[in-house]
Amino acid sequence: FGPVTLGEDEYWLLGDNRWISKDSIDFGPVERDDIKARGAFVLIPFS
């Protein structure tokens, strides 16, 4: 993909499973206001 130069409020997101992920390659950069949360803690299953 690209090259793509991001704007002052834009982020480029990719999935770790690149070959099937629908991400910024498909829909472009994401604006800061659209980022709702950061980090991940697996809760379920407890194991």
All heavy atoms as atom14 arrays in JSON, in Angstrom:
{
  "sequence": "FGPVTLGEDEYWLLGDNRWISKDSIDFGPVERDDIKARGAFVLIPFS",
  "atom14_mask": [
    [1, 1, 1, 1, 1, 1, 1, 1, 1, 1, 1, 0, 0, 0],
    [1, 1, 1, 1, 0, 0, 0, 0, 0, 0, 0, 0, 0, 0],
    [1, 1, 1, 1, 1, 1, 1, 0, 0, 0, 0, 0, 0, 0],
    [1, 1, 1, 1, 1, 1, 1, 0, 0, 0, 0, 0, 0, 0],
    [1, 1, 1, 1, 1, 1, 1, 0, 0, 0, 0, 0, 0, 0],
    [1, 1, 1, 1, 1, 1, 1, 1, 0, 0, 0, 0, 0, 0],
    [1, 1, 1, 1, 0, 0, 0, 0, 0, 0, 0, 0, 0, 0],
    [1, 1, 1, 1, 1, 1, 1, 1, 1, 0, 0, 0, 0, 0],
    [1, 1, 1, 1, 1, 1, 1, 1, 0, 0, 0, 0, 0, 0],
    [1, 1, 1, 1, 1, 1, 1, 1, 1, 0, 0, 0, 0, 0],
    [1, 1, 1, 1, 1, 1, 1, 1, 1, 1, 1, 1, 0, 0],
    [1, 1, 1, 1, 1, 1, 1, 1, 1, 1, 1, 1, 1, 1],
    [1, 1, 1, 1, 1, 1, 1, 1, 0, 0, 0, 0, 0, 0],
    [1, 1, 1, 1, 1, 1, 1, 1, 0, 0, 0, 0, 0, 0],
    [1, 1, 1, 1, 0, 0, 0, 0, 0, 0, 0, 0, 0, 0],
    [1, 1, 1, 1, 1, 1, 1, 1, 0, 0, 0, 0, 0, 0],
    [1, 1, 1, 1, 1, 1, 1, 1, 0, 0, 0, 0, 0, 0],
    [1, 1, 1, 1, 1, 1, 1, 1, 1, 1, 1, 0, 0, 0],
    [1, 1, 1, 1, 1, 1, 1, 1, 1, 1, 1, 1, 1, 1],
    [1, 1, 1, 1, 1, 1, 1, 1, 0, 0, 0, 0, 0, 0],
    [1, 1, 1, 1, 1, 1, 0, 0, 0, 0, 0, 0, 0, 0],
    [1, 1, 1, 1, 1, 1, 1, 1, 1, 0, 0, 0, 0, 0],
    [1, 1, 1, 1, 1, 1, 1, 1, 0, 0, 0, 0, 0, 0],
    [1, 1, 1, 1, 1, 1, 0, 0, 0, 0, 0, 0, 0, 0],
    [1, 1, 1, 1, 1, 1, 1, 1, 0, 0, 0, 0, 0, 0],
    [1, 1, 1, 1, 1, 1, 1, 1, 0, 0, 0, 0, 0, 0],
    [1, 1, 1, 1, 1, 1, 1, 1, 1, 1, 1, 0, 0, 0],
    [1, 1, 1, 1, 0, 0, 0, 0, 0, 0, 0, 0, 0, 0],
    [1, 1, 1, 1, 1, 1, 1, 0, 0, 0, 0, 0, 0, 0],
    [1, 1, 1, 1, 1, 1, 1, 0, 0, 0, 0, 0, 0, 0],
    [1, 1, 1, 1, 1, 1, 1, 1, 1, 0, 0, 0, 0, 0],
    [1, 1, 1, 1, 1, 1, 1, 1, 1, 1, 1, 0, 0, 0],
    [1, 1, 1, 1, 1, 1, 1, 1, 0, 0, 0, 0, 0, 0],
    [1, 1, 1, 1, 1, 1, 1, 1, 0, 0, 0, 0, 0, 0],
    [1, 1, 1, 1, 1, 1, 1, 1, 0, 0, 0, 0, 0, 0],
    [1, 1, 1, 1, 1, 1, 1, 1, 1, 0, 0, 0, 0, 0],
    [1, 1, 1, 1, 1, 0, 0, 0, 0, 0, 0, 0, 0, 0],
    [1, 1, 1, 1, 1, 1, 1, 1, 1, 1, 1, 0, 0, 0],
    [1, 1, 1, 1, 0, 0, 0, 0, 0, 0, 0, 0, 0, 0],
    [1, 1, 1, 1, 1, 0, 0, 0, 0, 0, 0, 0, 0, 0],
    [1, 1, 1, 1, 1, 1, 1, 1, 1, 1, 1, 0, 0, 0],
    [1, 1, 1, 1, 1, 1, 1, 0, 0, 0, 0, 0, 0, 0],
    [1, 1, 1, 1, 1, 1, 1, 1, 0, 0, 0, 0, 0, 0],
    [1, 1, 1, 1, 1, 1, 1, 1, 0, 0, 0, 0, 0, 0],
    [1, 1, 1, 1, 1, 1, 1, 0, 0, 0, 0, 0, 0, 0],
    [1, 1, 1, 1, 1, 1, 1, 1, 1, 1, 1, 0, 0, 0],
    [1, 1, 1, 1, 1, 1, 0, 0, 0, 0, 0, 0, 0, 0]
  ],
  "atom14_positions": [
    [[0.85, -1.18, 0.0], [0.0, 0.0, 0.0], [0.89, 1.24, 0.0], [2.07, 1.18, 0.32], [-0.93, 0.04, 1.21], [-0.24, 0.16, 2.54], [0.13, 1.41, 3.05], [0.05, -0.96, 3.29], [0.76, 1.53, 4.27], [0.7, -0.86, 4.52], [1.05, 0.39, 5.01], [0.0, 0.0, 0.0], [0.0, 0.0, 0.0], [0.0, 0.0, 0.0]],
    [[0.3, 2.36, -0.35], [0.94, 3.65, -0.23], [1.98, 3.94, -1.29], [2.05, 3.27, -2.31], [0.0, 0.0, 0.0], [0.0, 0.0, 0.0], [0.0, 0.0, 0.0], [0.0, 0.0, 0.0], [0.0, 0.0, 0.0], [0.0, 0.0, 0.0], [0.0, 0.0, 0.0], [0.0, 0.0, 0.0], [0.0, 0.0, 0.0], [0.0, 0.0, 0.0]],
    [[2.77, 4.97, -1.02], [2.87, 5.71, 0.25], [1.68, 6.64, 0.53], [1.09, 7.19, -0.38], [4.17, 6.53, 0.08], [4.33, 6.68, -1.39], [3.75, 5.45, -2.02], [0.0, 0.0, 0.0], [0.0, 0.0, 0.0], [0.0, 0.0, 0.0], [0.0, 0.0, 0.0], [0.0, 0.0, 0.0], [0.0, 0.0, 0.0], [0.0, 0.0, 0.0]],
    [[1.38, 6.77, 1.83], [0.31, 7.64, 2.31], [0.89, 8.55, 3.39], [1.51, 8.07, 4.34], [-0.85, 6.82, 2.9], [-1.92, 7.75, 3.45], [-1.44, 5.87, 1.88], [0.0, 0.0, 0.0], [0.0, 0.0, 0.0], [0.0, 0.0, 0.0], [0.0, 0.0, 0.0], [0.0, 0.0, 0.0], [0.0, 0.0, 0.0], [0.0, 0.0, 0.0]],
    [[0.71, 9.85, 3.23], [1.14, 10.81, 4.25], [-0.08, 11.19, 5.1], [-1.08, 11.66, 4.56], [1.77, 12.06, 3.62], [2.94, 11.67, 2.88], [2.19, 13.05, 4.7], [0.0, 0.0, 0.0], [0.0, 0.0, 0.0], [0.0, 0.0, 0.0], [0.0, 0.0, 0.0], [0.0, 0.0, 0.0], [0.0, 0.0, 0.0], [0.0, 0.0, 0.0]],
    [[0.04, 10.98, 6.39], [-1.09, 11.2, 7.29], [-1.22, 12.67, 7.69], [-0.21, 13.37, 7.85], [-0.92, 10.34, 8.55], [-0.81, 8.83, 8.29], [-0.5, 8.1, 9.59], [-2.08, 8.29, 7.67], [0.0, 0.0, 0.0], [0.0, 0.0, 0.0], [0.0, 0.0, 0.0], [0.0, 0.0, 0.0], [0.0, 0.0, 0.0], [0.0, 0.0, 0.0]],
    [[-2.46, 13.1, 7.85], [-2.73, 14.46, 8.29], [-2.43, 14.63, 9.77], [-2.06, 13.68, 10.47], [0.0, 0.0, 0.0], [0.0, 0.0, 0.0], [0.0, 0.0, 0.0], [0.0, 0.0, 0.0], [0.0, 0.0, 0.0], [0.0, 0.0, 0.0], [0.0, 0.0, 0.0], [0.0, 0.0, 0.0], [0.0, 0.0, 0.0], [0.0, 0.0, 0.0]],
    [[-2.64, 15.84, 10.28], [-2.27, 16.15, 11.66], [-3.15, 15.46, 12.69], [-2.83, 15.45, 13.87], [-2.31, 17.67, 11.87], [-3.69, 18.28, 11.69], [-3.71, 19.78, 11.89], [-2.63, 20.39, 11.87], [-4.81, 20.33, 12.1], [0.0, 0.0, 0.0], [0.0, 0.0, 0.0], [0.0, 0.0, 0.0], [0.0, 0.0, 0.0], [0.0, 0.0, 0.0]],
    [[-4.25, 14.86, 12.25], [-5.17, 14.21, 13.18], [-5.48, 12.78, 12.73], [-6.5, 12.22, 13.1], [-6.46, 15.03, 13.28], [-7.3, 14.66, 14.48], [-6.71, 14.41, 15.56], [-8.54, 14.61, 14.36], [0.0, 0.0, 0.0], [0.0, 0.0, 0.0], [0.0, 0.0, 0.0], [0.0, 0.0, 0.0], [0.0, 0.0, 0.0], [0.0, 0.0, 0.0]],
    [[-4.58, 12.18, 11.95], [-4.87, 10.88, 11.33], [-3.89, 9.8, 11.8], [-2.71, 10.07, 12.05], [-4.81, 10.99, 9.8], [-5.91, 11.86, 9.22], [-5.85, 11.94, 7.71], [-4.75, 11.77, 7.13], [-6.91, 12.16, 7.08], [0.0, 0.0, 0.0], [0.0, 0.0, 0.0], [0.0, 0.0, 0.0], [0.0, 0.0, 0.0], [0.0, 0.0, 0.0]],
    [[-4.44, 8.57, 11.86], [-3.67, 7.41, 12.29], [-3.89, 6.28, 11.29], [-4.98, 6.12, 10.75], [-4.1, 6.96, 13.69], [-3.79, 7.98, 14.75], [-4.61, 9.1, 14.92], [-2.68, 7.85, 15.57], [-4.32, 10.07, 15.88], [-2.39, 8.81, 16.54], [-3.21, 9.91, 16.68], [-2.92, 10.86, 17.62], [0.0, 0.0, 0.0], [0.0, 0.0, 0.0]],
    [[-2.83, 5.49, 11.07], [-2.91, 4.35, 10.16], [-2.98, 3.08, 11.0], [-2.09, 2.81, 11.81], [-1.69, 4.31, 9.24], [-1.83, 3.39, 8.07], [-1.36, 2.1, 7.97], [-2.48, 3.67, 6.82], [-1.68, 1.58, 6.75], [-2.37, 2.52, 6.01], [-3.15, 4.79, 6.32], [-2.89, 2.45, 4.73], [-3.67, 4.73, 5.05], [-3.55, 3.57, 4.26]],
    [[-4.05, 2.31, 10.84], [-4.29, 1.12, 11.65], [-4.22, -0.13, 10.78], [-4.79, -0.16, 9.68], [-5.68, 1.18, 12.31], [-6.03, 2.45, 13.09], [-7.4, 2.3, 13.71], [-4.98, 2.76, 14.15], [0.0, 0.0, 0.0], [0.0, 0.0, 0.0], [0.0, 0.0, 0.0], [0.0, 0.0, 0.0], [0.0, 0.0, 0.0], [0.0, 0.0, 0.0]],
    [[-3.57, -1.16, 11.3], [-3.52, -2.46, 10.63], [-3.84, -3.56, 11.63], [-3.58, -3.41, 12.83], [-2.13, -2.74, 10.02], [-1.63, -1.82, 8.91], [-0.23, -2.27, 8.47], [-2.58, -1.8, 7.72], [0.0, 0.0, 0.0], [0.0, 0.0, 0.0], [0.0, 0.0, 0.0], [0.0, 0.0, 0.0], [0.0, 0.0, 0.0], [0.0, 0.0, 0.0]],
    [[-4.41, -4.65, 11.15], [-4.6, -5.83, 11.98], [-3.32, -6.65, 12.03], [-2.52, -6.62, 11.09], [0.0, 0.0, 0.0], [0.0, 0.0, 0.0], [0.0, 0.0, 0.0], [0.0, 0.0, 0.0], [0.0, 0.0, 0.0], [0.0, 0.0, 0.0], [0.0, 0.0, 0.0], [0.0, 0.0, 0.0], [0.0, 0.0, 0.0], [0.0, 0.0, 0.0]],
    [[-3.12, -7.38, 13.11], [-1.93, -8.25, 13.19], [-2.02, -9.42, 12.22], [-1.0, -9.98, 11.83], [-1.76, -8.77, 14.62], [-1.27, -7.69, 15.58], [-1.02, -6.55, 15.11], [-1.13, -7.97, 16.78], [0.0, 0.0, 0.0], [0.0, 0.0, 0.0], [0.0, 0.0, 0.0], [0.0, 0.0, 0.0], [0.0, 0.0, 0.0], [0.0, 0.0, 0.0]],
    [[-3.22, -9.8, 11.87], [-3.43, -10.88, 10.9], [-3.62, -10.22, 9.53], [-4.72, -10.12, 9.0], [-4.64, -11.72, 11.28], [-4.74, -12.99, 10.48], [-3.91, -13.28, 9.61], [-5.76, -13.78, 10.75], [0.0, 0.0, 0.0], [0.0, 0.0, 0.0], [0.0, 0.0, 0.0], [0.0, 0.0, 0.0], [0.0, 0.0, 0.0], [0.0, 0.0, 0.0]],
    [[-2.52, -9.76, 8.97], [-2.54, -8.84, 7.84], [-3.27, -9.38, 6.6], [-3.87, -8.61, 5.85], [-1.1, -8.47, 7.44], [-0.3, -7.83, 8.57], [-0.54, -6.34, 8.62], [0.0, -5.72, 9.81], [1.28, -5.4, 9.98], [2.16, -5.64, 9.04], [1.66, -4.81, 11.1], [0.0, 0.0, 0.0], [0.0, 0.0, 0.0], [0.0, 0.0, 0.0]],
    [[-3.2, -10.67, 6.38], [-3.69, -11.18, 5.1], [-5.21, -11.24, 5.01], [-5.77, -11.33, 3.91], [-3.07, -12.54, 4.77], [-3.57, -13.69, 5.57], [-3.41, -13.89, 6.9], [-4.31, -14.8, 5.08], [-4.01, -15.06, 7.29], [-4.57, -15.65, 6.19], [-4.79, -15.18, 3.83], [-5.28, -16.84, 6.07], [-5.5, -16.37, 3.72], [-5.73, -17.18, 4.83]],
    [[-5.91, -11.11, 6.16], [-7.38, -11.09, 6.09], [-7.98, -9.85, 6.73], [-9.19, -9.65, 6.68], [-8.0, -12.34, 6.76], [-7.74, -12.34, 8.26], [-7.52, -13.61, 6.11], [-8.59, -13.34, 9.01], [0.0, 0.0, 0.0], [0.0, 0.0, 0.0], [0.0, 0.0, 0.0], [0.0, 0.0, 0.0], [0.0, 0.0, 0.0], [0.0, 0.0, 0.0]],
    [[-7.15, -9.01, 7.35], [-7.67, -7.87, 8.09], [-8.24, -6.8, 7.16], [-7.67, -6.47, 6.13], [-6.54, -7.25, 8.93], [-6.99, -6.09, 9.59], [0.0, 0.0, 0.0], [0.0, 0.0, 0.0], [0.0, 0.0, 0.0], [0.0, 0.0, 0.0], [0.0, 0.0, 0.0], [0.0, 0.0, 0.0], [0.0, 0.0, 0.0], [0.0, 0.0, 0.0]],
    [[-9.4, -6.26, 7.56], [-9.94, -5.06, 6.94], [-9.5, -3.88, 7.8], [-9.91, -3.75, 8.96], [-11.48, -5.12, 6.88], [-12.01, -6.26, 6.05], [-11.65, -6.11, 4.59], [-12.26, -7.23, 3.75], [-11.8, -7.19, 2.35], [0.0, 0.0, 0.0], [0.0, 0.0, 0.0], [0.0, 0.0, 0.0], [0.0, 0.0, 0.0], [0.0, 0.0, 0.0]],
    [[-8.66, -3.03, 7.25], [-8.05, -1.99, 8.05], [-7.79, -0.75, 7.2], [-8.49, -0.53, 6.2], [-6.77, -2.51, 8.72], [-5.89, -3.3, 7.75], [-5.79, -2.87, 6.58], [-5.31, -4.32, 8.15], [0.0, 0.0, 0.0], [0.0, 0.0, 0.0], [0.0, 0.0, 0.0], [0.0, 0.0, 0.0], [0.0, 0.0, 0.0], [0.0, 0.0, 0.0]],
    [[-6.81, 0.05, 7.59], [-6.57, 1.3, 6.87], [-6.19, 1.11, 5.41], [-6.37, 2.03, 4.6], [-5.49, 2.12, 7.58], [-5.98, 2.69, 8.78], [0.0, 0.0, 0.0], [0.0, 0.0, 0.0], [0.0, 0.0, 0.0], [0.0, 0.0, 0.0], [0.0, 0.0, 0.0], [0.0, 0.0, 0.0], [0.0, 0.0, 0.0], [0.0, 0.0, 0.0]],
    [[-5.7, -0.06, 5.06], [-5.43, -0.34, 3.65], [-6.73, -0.27, 2.86], [-6.76, 0.17, 1.7], [-4.76, -1.72, 3.47], [-3.41, -1.74, 4.19], [-4.58, -2.05, 1.99], [-2.74, -3.1, 4.17], [0.0, 0.0, 0.0], [0.0, 0.0, 0.0], [0.0, 0.0, 0.0], [0.0, 0.0, 0.0], [0.0, 0.0, 0.0], [0.0, 0.0, 0.0]],
    [[-7.83, -0.68, 3.5], [-9.13, -0.72, 2.84], [-9.91, 0.58, 2.99], [-10.53, 1.06, 2.03], [-9.97, -1.88, 3.4], [-9.26, -3.21, 3.26], [-9.22, -3.74, 2.15], [-8.71, -3.69, 4.27], [0.0, 0.0, 0.0], [0.0, 0.0, 0.0], [0.0, 0.0, 0.0], [0.0, 0.0, 0.0], [0.0, 0.0, 0.0], [0.0, 0.0, 0.0]],
    [[-9.91, 1.17, 4.2], [-10.76, 2.33, 4.44], [-9.99, 3.61, 4.75], [-10.58, 4.64, 5.04], [-11.78, 2.07, 5.54], [-11.21, 1.48, 6.81], [-10.42, 2.22, 7.66], [-11.49, 0.17, 7.15], [-9.91, 1.67, 8.83], [-11.0, -0.39, 8.31], [-10.2, 0.37, 9.16], [0.0, 0.0, 0.0], [0.0, 0.0, 0.0], [0.0, 0.0, 0.0]],
    [[-8.67, 3.56, 4.66], [-7.87, 4.76, 4.85], [-7.59, 5.06, 6.31], [-7.91, 4.28, 7.21], [0.0, 0.0, 0.0], [0.0, 0.0, 0.0], [0.0, 0.0, 0.0], [0.0, 0.0, 0.0], [0.0, 0.0, 0.0], [0.0, 0.0, 0.0], [0.0, 0.0, 0.0], [0.0, 0.0, 0.0], [0.0, 0.0, 0.0], [0.0, 0.0, 0.0]],
    [[-6.98, 6.22, 6.57], [-6.62, 6.58, 7.94], [-7.85, 6.83, 8.81], [-8.93, 7.12, 8.31], [-5.77, 7.84, 7.78], [-6.06, 8.35, 6.42], [-6.55, 7.22, 5.59], [0.0, 0.0, 0.0], [0.0, 0.0, 0.0], [0.0, 0.0, 0.0], [0.0, 0.0, 0.0], [0.0, 0.0, 0.0], [0.0, 0.0, 0.0], [0.0, 0.0, 0.0]],
    [[-7.62, 6.73, 10.12], [-8.67, 6.96, 11.11], [-8.36, 8.25, 11.86], [-7.21, 8.49, 12.25], [-8.76, 5.77, 12.09], [-9.69, 6.08, 13.25], [-9.22, 4.52, 11.36], [0.0, 0.0, 0.0], [0.0, 0.0, 0.0], [0.0, 0.0, 0.0], [0.0, 0.0, 0.0], [0.0, 0.0, 0.0], [0.0, 0.0, 0.0], [0.0, 0.0, 0.0]],
    [[-9.36, 9.08, 12.08], [-9.14, 10.32, 12.8], [-9.09, 10.08, 14.32], [-9.66, 9.1, 14.82], [-10.25, 11.33, 12.47], [-10.22, 11.79, 11.03], [-11.23, 12.89, 10.75], [-12.02, 13.2, 11.66], [-11.21, 13.42, 9.63], [0.0, 0.0, 0.0], [0.0, 0.0, 0.0], [0.0, 0.0, 0.0], [0.0, 0.0, 0.0], [0.0, 0.0, 0.0]],
    [[-8.44, 11.0, 15.02], [-8.23, 10.84, 16.47], [-9.56, 10.71, 17.21], [-9.66, 9.9, 18.15], [-7.45, 12.06, 17.0], [-7.16, 11.99, 18.51], [-6.24, 10.83, 18.82], [-5.93, 10.72, 20.23], [-6.7, 10.1, 21.12], [-7.83, 9.53, 20.73], [-6.34, 10.02, 22.38], [0.0, 0.0, 0.0], [0.0, 0.0, 0.0], [0.0, 0.0, 0.0]],
    [[-10.56, 11.47, 16.84], [-11.84, 11.42, 17.54], [-12.53, 10.07, 17.41], [-13.42, 9.74, 18.21], [-12.78, 12.51, 17.02], [-12.39, 13.9, 17.52], [-11.58, 13.98, 18.47], [-12.89, 14.89, 16.96], [0.0, 0.0, 0.0], [0.0, 0.0, 0.0], [0.0, 0.0, 0.0], [0.0, 0.0, 0.0], [0.0, 0.0, 0.0], [0.0, 0.0, 0.0]],
    [[-12.14, 9.29, 16.4], [-12.77, 7.98, 16.19], [-12.08, 6.88, 16.99], [-12.56, 5.74, 17.01], [-12.76, 7.61, 14.7], [-13.73, 8.46, 13.91], [-14.79, 8.82, 14.46], [-13.45, 8.78, 12.74], [0.0, 0.0, 0.0], [0.0, 0.0, 0.0], [0.0, 0.0, 0.0], [0.0, 0.0, 0.0], [0.0, 0.0, 0.0], [0.0, 0.0, 0.0]],
    [[-10.97, 7.19, 17.64], [-10.32, 6.22, 18.52], [-10.99, 6.31, 19.88], [-10.93, 7.34, 20.55], [-8.81, 6.47, 18.61], [-8.17, 6.25, 17.23], [-8.17, 5.56, 19.66], [-6.67, 6.51, 17.19], [0.0, 0.0, 0.0], [0.0, 0.0, 0.0], [0.0, 0.0, 0.0], [0.0, 0.0, 0.0], [0.0, 0.0, 0.0], [0.0, 0.0, 0.0]],
    [[-11.64, 5.24, 20.28], [-12.49, 5.24, 21.47], [-11.81, 4.69, 22.71], [-12.23, 4.98, 23.83], [-13.77, 4.45, 21.2], [-14.55, 4.92, 19.97], [-14.93, 6.37, 20.07], [-15.75, 6.83, 18.87], [-16.04, 8.28, 18.93], [0.0, 0.0, 0.0], [0.0, 0.0, 0.0], [0.0, 0.0, 0.0], [0.0, 0.0, 0.0], [0.0, 0.0, 0.0]],
    [[-10.81, 3.85, 22.53], [-10.15, 3.23, 23.69], [-8.78, 2.73, 23.27], [-8.49, 2.56, 22.08], [-10.99, 2.08, 24.25], [0.0, 0.0, 0.0], [0.0, 0.0, 0.0], [0.0, 0.0, 0.0], [0.0, 0.0, 0.0], [0.0, 0.0, 0.0], [0.0, 0.0, 0.0], [0.0, 0.0, 0.0], [0.0, 0.0, 0.0], [0.0, 0.0, 0.0]],
    [[-7.92, 2.52, 24.27], [-6.55, 2.07, 24.02], [-6.21, 0.93, 24.97], [-6.65, 0.91, 26.12], [-5.58, 3.22, 24.24], [-4.16, 2.95, 23.79], [-3.24, 4.09, 24.17], [-2.87, 4.01, 25.58], [-2.06, 4.88, 26.19], [-1.61, 5.93, 25.53], [-1.75, 4.73, 27.45], [0.0, 0.0, 0.0], [0.0, 0.0, 0.0], [0.0, 0.0, 0.0]],
    [[-5.41, -0.02, 24.49], [-5.0, -1.14, 25.33], [-6.05, -2.24, 25.33], [-7.19, -2.02, 24.94], [0.0, 0.0, 0.0], [0.0, 0.0, 0.0], [0.0, 0.0, 0.0], [0.0, 0.0, 0.0], [0.0, 0.0, 0.0], [0.0, 0.0, 0.0], [0.0, 0.0, 0.0], [0.0, 0.0, 0.0], [0.0, 0.0, 0.0], [0.0, 0.0, 0.0]],
    [[-5.63, -3.43, 25.77], [-6.56, -4.56, 25.81], [-6.18, -5.51, 26.93], [-5.01, -5.87, 27.08], [-6.56, -5.29, 24.47], [0.0, 0.0, 0.0], [0.0, 0.0, 0.0], [0.0, 0.0, 0.0], [0.0, 0.0, 0.0], [0.0, 0.0, 0.0], [0.0, 0.0, 0.0], [0.0, 0.0, 0.0], [0.0, 0.0, 0.0], [0.0, 0.0, 0.0]],
    [[-7.19, -5.87, 27.7], [-7.03, -6.86, 28.78], [-8.07, -7.94, 28.56], [-9.27, -7.66, 28.59], [-7.22, -6.2, 30.15], [-7.12, -7.15, 31.31], [-5.89, -7.49, 31.84], [-8.27, -7.72, 31.85], [-5.8, -8.38, 32.9], [-8.2, -8.6, 32.91], [-6.96, -8.94, 33.44], [0.0, 0.0, 0.0], [0.0, 0.0, 0.0], [0.0, 0.0, 0.0]],
    [[-7.61, -9.17, 28.3], [-8.55, -10.27, 28.07], [-9.23, -10.6, 29.39], [-8.58, -10.91, 30.39], [-7.84, -11.51, 27.5], [-8.82, -12.69, 27.41], [-7.28, -11.21, 26.11], [0.0, 0.0, 0.0], [0.0, 0.0, 0.0], [0.0, 0.0, 0.0], [0.0, 0.0, 0.0], [0.0, 0.0, 0.0], [0.0, 0.0, 0.0], [0.0, 0.0, 0.0]],
    [[-10.57, -10.54, 29.38], [-11.35, -10.81, 30.59], [-11.96, -12.2, 30.58], [-11.98, -12.9, 31.6], [-12.46, -9.76, 30.73], [-13.4, -9.91, 31.92], [-12.62, -9.71, 33.22], [-14.55, -8.93, 31.84], [0.0, 0.0, 0.0], [0.0, 0.0, 0.0], [0.0, 0.0, 0.0], [0.0, 0.0, 0.0], [0.0, 0.0, 0.0], [0.0, 0.0, 0.0]],
    [[-12.52, -12.6, 29.43], [-13.18, -13.89, 29.31], [-12.6, -14.62, 28.12], [-12.49, -14.03, 27.03], [-14.7, -13.7, 29.14], [-15.29, -13.02, 30.38], [-15.4, -15.05, 28.9], [-16.76, -12.68, 30.25], [0.0, 0.0, 0.0], [0.0, 0.0, 0.0], [0.0, 0.0, 0.0], [0.0, 0.0, 0.0], [0.0, 0.0, 0.0], [0.0, 0.0, 0.0]],
    [[-12.23, -15.91, 28.28], [-12.38, -16.72, 29.48], [-11.32, -16.4, 30.54], [-10.24, -15.91, 30.2], [-12.21, -18.15, 28.96], [-11.29, -18.0, 27.79], [-11.65, -16.68, 27.17], [0.0, 0.0, 0.0], [0.0, 0.0, 0.0], [0.0, 0.0, 0.0], [0.0, 0.0, 0.0], [0.0, 0.0, 0.0], [0.0, 0.0, 0.0], [0.0, 0.0, 0.0]],
    [[-11.64, -16.69, 31.79], [-10.73, -16.39, 32.87], [-9.4, -17.12, 32.72], [-8.36, -16.63, 33.19], [-11.36, -16.73, 34.23], [-12.61, -15.93, 34.51], [-13.75, -16.53, 35.0], [-12.63, -14.56, 34.3], [-14.89, -15.77, 35.27], [-13.75, -13.79, 34.56], [-14.89, -14.42, 35.05], [0.0, 0.0, 0.0], [0.0, 0.0, 0.0], [0.0, 0.0, 0.0]],
    [[-9.41, -18.29, 32.1], [-8.19, -19.08, 31.94], [-7.17, -18.39, 31.03], [-6.0, -18.7, 31.06], [-8.51, -20.47, 31.39], [-9.13, -20.35, 30.1], [0.0, 0.0, 0.0], [0.0, 0.0, 0.0], [0.0, 0.0, 0.0], [0.0, 0.0, 0.0], [0.0, 0.0, 0.0], [0.0, 0.0, 0.0], [0.0, 0.0, 0.0], [0.0, 0.0, 0.0]]
  ]
}
